[in-house]
Amino acid sequence: MIKKTEITRQKLFDGDEQECLKEIFEIENQKIKLIDFYNSPLRDLKKEIDNESFETIVRESEFNVRNSFIEKYVSEEGLEIHYLKKNDIIYLFSYGEFQPGRYMLFLEGIYHYIP
């Protein structure tokens, strides 16, 4: 079972990638860095939670799926969705190069997963 935490989507970073790597973001009393979720594309979450919960996250968050060589979930800006799972909490982020040399990071949502 999955339950969305009511938070507003928020821009956490907009600028040079090197600067973003140094940032520490505090989200609901958790200190999170880009490195914590950078190598965790949303498709990998399928291995950690049940199918129905995964589909609920994608539907509620209105993520788009791009099926090229590798399945990729993207935000409305076309930024790839990544996740961080800490205990039963799943943090969703969109991150990527928005314009040449300009990187953006958004907190897309927070979910409580009850296995």
C-alpha atoms as a PDB file:
ATOM      1  CA  MET A   1       0.000   0.000   0.000  1.00  0.00           C
ATOM      2  CA  ILE A   2       1.194   3.488  -0.752  1.00  0.00           C
ATOM      3  CA  LYS A   3       0.123   6.856   0.612  1.00  0.00           C
ATOM      4  CA  LYS A   4       1.161  10.231  -0.739  1.00  0.00           C
ATOM      5  CA  THR A   5       2.328  12.913   1.691  1.00  0.00           C
ATOM      6  CA  GLU A   6       0.685  16.227   0.904  1.00  0.00           C
ATOM      7  CA  ILE A   7       3.548  18.440  -0.138  1.00  0.00           C
ATOM      8  CA  THR A   8       3.862  20.991  -2.886  1.00  0.00           C
ATOM      9  CA  ARG A   9       6.241  20.202  -5.713  1.00  0.00           C
ATOM     10  CA  GLN A  10       9.244  22.437  -5.178  1.00  0.00           C
ATOM     11  CA  LYS A  11      12.323  23.558  -7.039  1.00  0.00           C
ATOM     12  CA  LEU A  12      15.383  22.720  -4.953  1.00  0.00           C
ATOM     13  CA  PHE A  13      18.116  23.804  -7.341  1.00  0.00           C
ATOM     14  CA  ASP A  14      18.649  25.703 -10.583  1.00  0.00           C
ATOM     15  CA  GLY A  15      22.188  26.267 -11.858  1.00  0.00           C
ATOM     16  CA  ASP A  16      25.563  24.649 -12.431  1.00  0.00           C
ATOM     17  CA  GLU A  17      25.825  20.873 -11.856  1.00  0.00           C
ATOM     18  CA  GLN A  18      29.043  21.201  -9.843  1.00  0.00           C
ATOM     19  CA  GLU A  19      27.246  23.508  -7.402  1.00  0.00           C
ATOM     20  CA  CYS A  20      24.343  21.075  -7.084  1.00  0.00           C
ATOM     21  CA  LEU A  21      26.739  18.287  -6.122  1.00  0.00           C
ATOM     22  CA  LYS A  22      27.890  20.350  -3.105  1.00  0.00           C
ATOM     23  CA  GLU A  23      24.375  21.183  -1.889  1.00  0.00           C
ATOM     24  CA  ILE A  24      22.699  19.472   1.065  1.00  0.00           C
ATOM     25  CA  PHE A  25      18.916  19.632   0.951  1.00  0.00           C
ATOM     26  CA  GLU A  26      16.876  19.322   4.120  1.00  0.00           C
ATOM     27  CA  ILE A  27      13.565  17.603   3.428  1.00  0.00           C
ATOM     28  CA  GLU A  28      11.301  16.680   6.331  1.00  0.00           C
ATOM     29  CA  ASN A  29      14.254  16.565   8.734  1.00  0.00           C
ATOM     30  CA  GLN A  30      16.335  14.420   6.354  1.00  0.00           C
ATOM     31  CA  LYS A  31      19.610  15.684   4.930  1.00  0.00           C
ATOM     32  CA  ILE A  32      19.771  14.609   1.297  1.00  0.00           C
ATOM     33  CA  LYS A  33      22.433  15.101  -1.381  1.00  0.00           C
ATOM     34  CA  LEU A  34      22.236  14.588  -5.140  1.00  0.00           C
ATOM     35  CA  ILE A  35      24.645  11.637  -4.793  1.00  0.00           C
ATOM     36  CA  ASP A  36      22.075   9.827  -2.567  1.00  0.00           C
ATOM     37  CA  PHE A  37      19.639   9.301  -5.452  1.00  0.00           C
ATOM     38  CA  TYR A  38      21.524  10.149  -8.652  1.00  0.00           C
ATOM     39  CA  ASN A  39      21.977   6.488  -9.644  1.00  0.00           C
ATOM     40  CA  SER A  40      18.416   5.479  -8.756  1.00  0.00           C
ATOM     41  CA  PRO A  41      16.149   6.003 -11.763  1.00  0.00           C
ATOM     42  CA  LEU A  42      12.470   5.506 -10.987  1.00  0.00           C
ATOM     43  CA  ARG A  43      12.274   2.264 -13.041  1.00  0.00           C
ATOM     44  CA  ASP A  44      14.510   0.574 -10.411  1.00  0.00           C
ATOM     45  CA  LEU A  45      11.860   1.194  -7.739  1.00  0.00           C
ATOM     46  CA  LYS A  46       9.785  -1.576  -9.394  1.00  0.00           C
ATOM     47  CA  LYS A  47      12.201  -4.073  -7.822  1.00  0.00           C
ATOM     48  CA  GLU A  48      11.555  -2.719  -4.324  1.00  0.00           C
ATOM     49  CA  ILE A  49       7.783  -2.217  -4.146  1.00  0.00           C
ATOM     50  CA  ASP A  50       4.682  -3.948  -5.507  1.00  0.00           C
ATOM     51  CA  ASN A  51       3.375  -3.214  -9.003  1.00  0.00           C
ATOM     52  CA  GLU A  52       0.147  -1.573  -7.894  1.00  0.00           C
ATOM     53  CA  SER A  53       1.990   0.923  -5.653  1.00  0.00           C
ATOM     54  CA  PHE A  54       4.450   1.715  -8.439  1.00  0.00           C
ATOM     55  CA  GLU A  55       1.629   2.370 -10.923  1.00  0.00           C
ATOM     56  CA  THR A  56      -0.122   4.592  -8.352  1.00  0.00           C
ATOM     57  CA  ILE A  57       3.015   6.727  -7.960  1.00  0.00           C
ATOM     58  CA  VAL A  58       3.397   7.177 -11.729  1.00  0.00           C
ATOM     59  CA  ARG A  59      -0.313   7.971 -12.220  1.00  0.00           C
ATOM     60  CA  GLU A  60      -0.683  10.383  -9.278  1.00  0.00           C
ATOM     61  CA  SER A  61       2.556  12.186 -10.105  1.00  0.00           C
ATOM     62  CA  GLU A  62       1.612  12.410 -13.783  1.00  0.00           C
ATOM     63  CA  PHE A  63       5.052  11.248 -14.915  1.00  0.00           C
ATOM     64  CA  ASN A  64       5.543  10.425 -18.568  1.00  0.00           C
ATOM     65  CA  VAL A  65       7.271   7.254 -19.747  1.00  0.00           C
ATOM     66  CA  ARG A  66       9.812   7.386 -22.535  1.00  0.00           C
ATOM     67  CA  ASN A  67      10.532   3.973 -23.945  1.00  0.00           C
ATOM     68  CA  SER A  68      13.715   4.330 -25.877  1.00  0.00           C
ATOM     69  CA  PHE A  69      16.514   1.835 -25.335  1.00  0.00           C
ATOM     70  CA  ILE A  70      15.967   2.099 -21.570  1.00  0.00           C
ATOM     71  CA  GLU A  71      12.622   2.879 -19.935  1.00  0.00           C
ATOM     72  CA  LYS A  72      12.773   6.399 -18.516  1.00  0.00           C
ATOM     73  CA  TYR A  73      10.237   8.326 -16.426  1.00  0.00           C
ATOM     74  CA  VAL A  74      10.243  12.094 -16.855  1.00  0.00           C
ATOM     75  CA  SER A  75       8.598  15.164 -15.326  1.00  0.00           C
ATOM     76  CA  GLU A  76       6.640  17.845 -17.148  1.00  0.00           C
ATOM     77  CA  GLU A  77       9.955  19.603 -17.955  1.00  0.00           C
ATOM     78  CA  GLY A  78      11.384  16.407 -19.387  1.00  0.00           C
ATOM     79  CA  LEU A  79      13.744  15.873 -16.431  1.00  0.00           C
ATOM     80  CA  GLU A  80      14.407  12.263 -15.426  1.00  0.00           C
ATOM     81  CA  ILE A  81      12.734  11.018 -12.238  1.00  0.00           C
ATOM     82  CA  HIS A  82      14.922   9.510  -9.519  1.00  0.00           C
ATOM     83  CA  TYR A  83      14.002   8.135  -6.125  1.00  0.00           C
ATOM     84  CA  LEU A  84      15.458   7.719  -2.665  1.00  0.00           C
ATOM     85  CA  LYS A  85      13.960   5.109  -0.332  1.00  0.00           C
ATOM     86  CA  LYS A  86      14.688   5.530   3.362  1.00  0.00           C
ATOM     87  CA  ASN A  87      12.914   2.967   5.516  1.00  0.00           C
ATOM     88  CA  ASP A  88       9.281   3.177   4.361  1.00  0.00           C
ATOM     89  CA  ILE A  89       9.513   6.656   2.857  1.00  0.00           C
ATOM     90  CA  ILE A  90      10.065   7.198  -0.865  1.00  0.00           C
ATOM     91  CA  TYR A  91      11.314  10.598  -1.999  1.00  0.00           C
ATOM     92  CA  LEU A  92      10.851  11.426  -5.687  1.00  0.00           C
ATOM     93  CA  PHE A  93      13.074  13.912  -7.483  1.00  0.00           C
ATOM     94  CA  SER A  94      13.357  15.127 -11.058  1.00  0.00           C
ATOM     95  CA  TYR A  95      16.832  16.153 -12.127  1.00  0.00           C
ATOM     96  CA  GLY A  96      18.722  16.921 -15.271  1.00  0.00           C
ATOM     97  CA  GLU A  97      20.055  19.431 -17.729  1.00  0.00           C
ATOM     98  CA  PHE A  98      17.221  21.812 -18.556  1.00  0.00           C
ATOM     99  CA  GLN A  99      19.250  24.027 -20.880  1.00  0.00           C
ATOM    100  CA  PRO A 100      22.922  23.700 -21.854  1.00  0.00           C
ATOM    101  CA  GLY A 101      24.892  24.009 -18.588  1.00  0.00           C
ATOM    102  CA  ARG A 102      21.738  24.717 -16.541  1.00  0.00           C
ATOM    103  CA  TYR A 103      20.665  21.895 -14.236  1.00  0.00           C
ATOM    104  CA  MET A 104      17.426  21.770 -12.311  1.00  0.00           C
ATOM    105  CA  LEU A 105      16.321  19.648  -9.361  1.00  0.00           C
ATOM    106  CA  PHE A 106      12.749  19.365  -8.101  1.00  0.00           C
ATOM    107  CA  LEU A 107      11.236  17.509  -5.189  1.00  0.00           C
ATOM    108  CA  GLU A 108       8.309  15.853  -6.984  1.00  0.00           C
ATOM    109  CA  GLY A 109       6.697  14.037  -4.092  1.00  0.00           C
ATOM    110  CA  ILE A 110       6.994  11.949  -0.948  1.00  0.00           C
ATOM    111  CA  TYR A 111       5.230   8.624  -0.406  1.00  0.00           C
ATOM    112  CA  HIS A 112       4.853   6.311   2.581  1.00  0.00           C
ATOM    113  CA  TYR A 113       5.115   2.695   1.531  1.00  0.00           C
ATOM    114  CA  ILE A 114       3.471   0.097   3.736  1.00  0.00           C
ATOM    115  CA  PRO A 115       4.547  -3.383   2.539  1.00  0.00           C
END
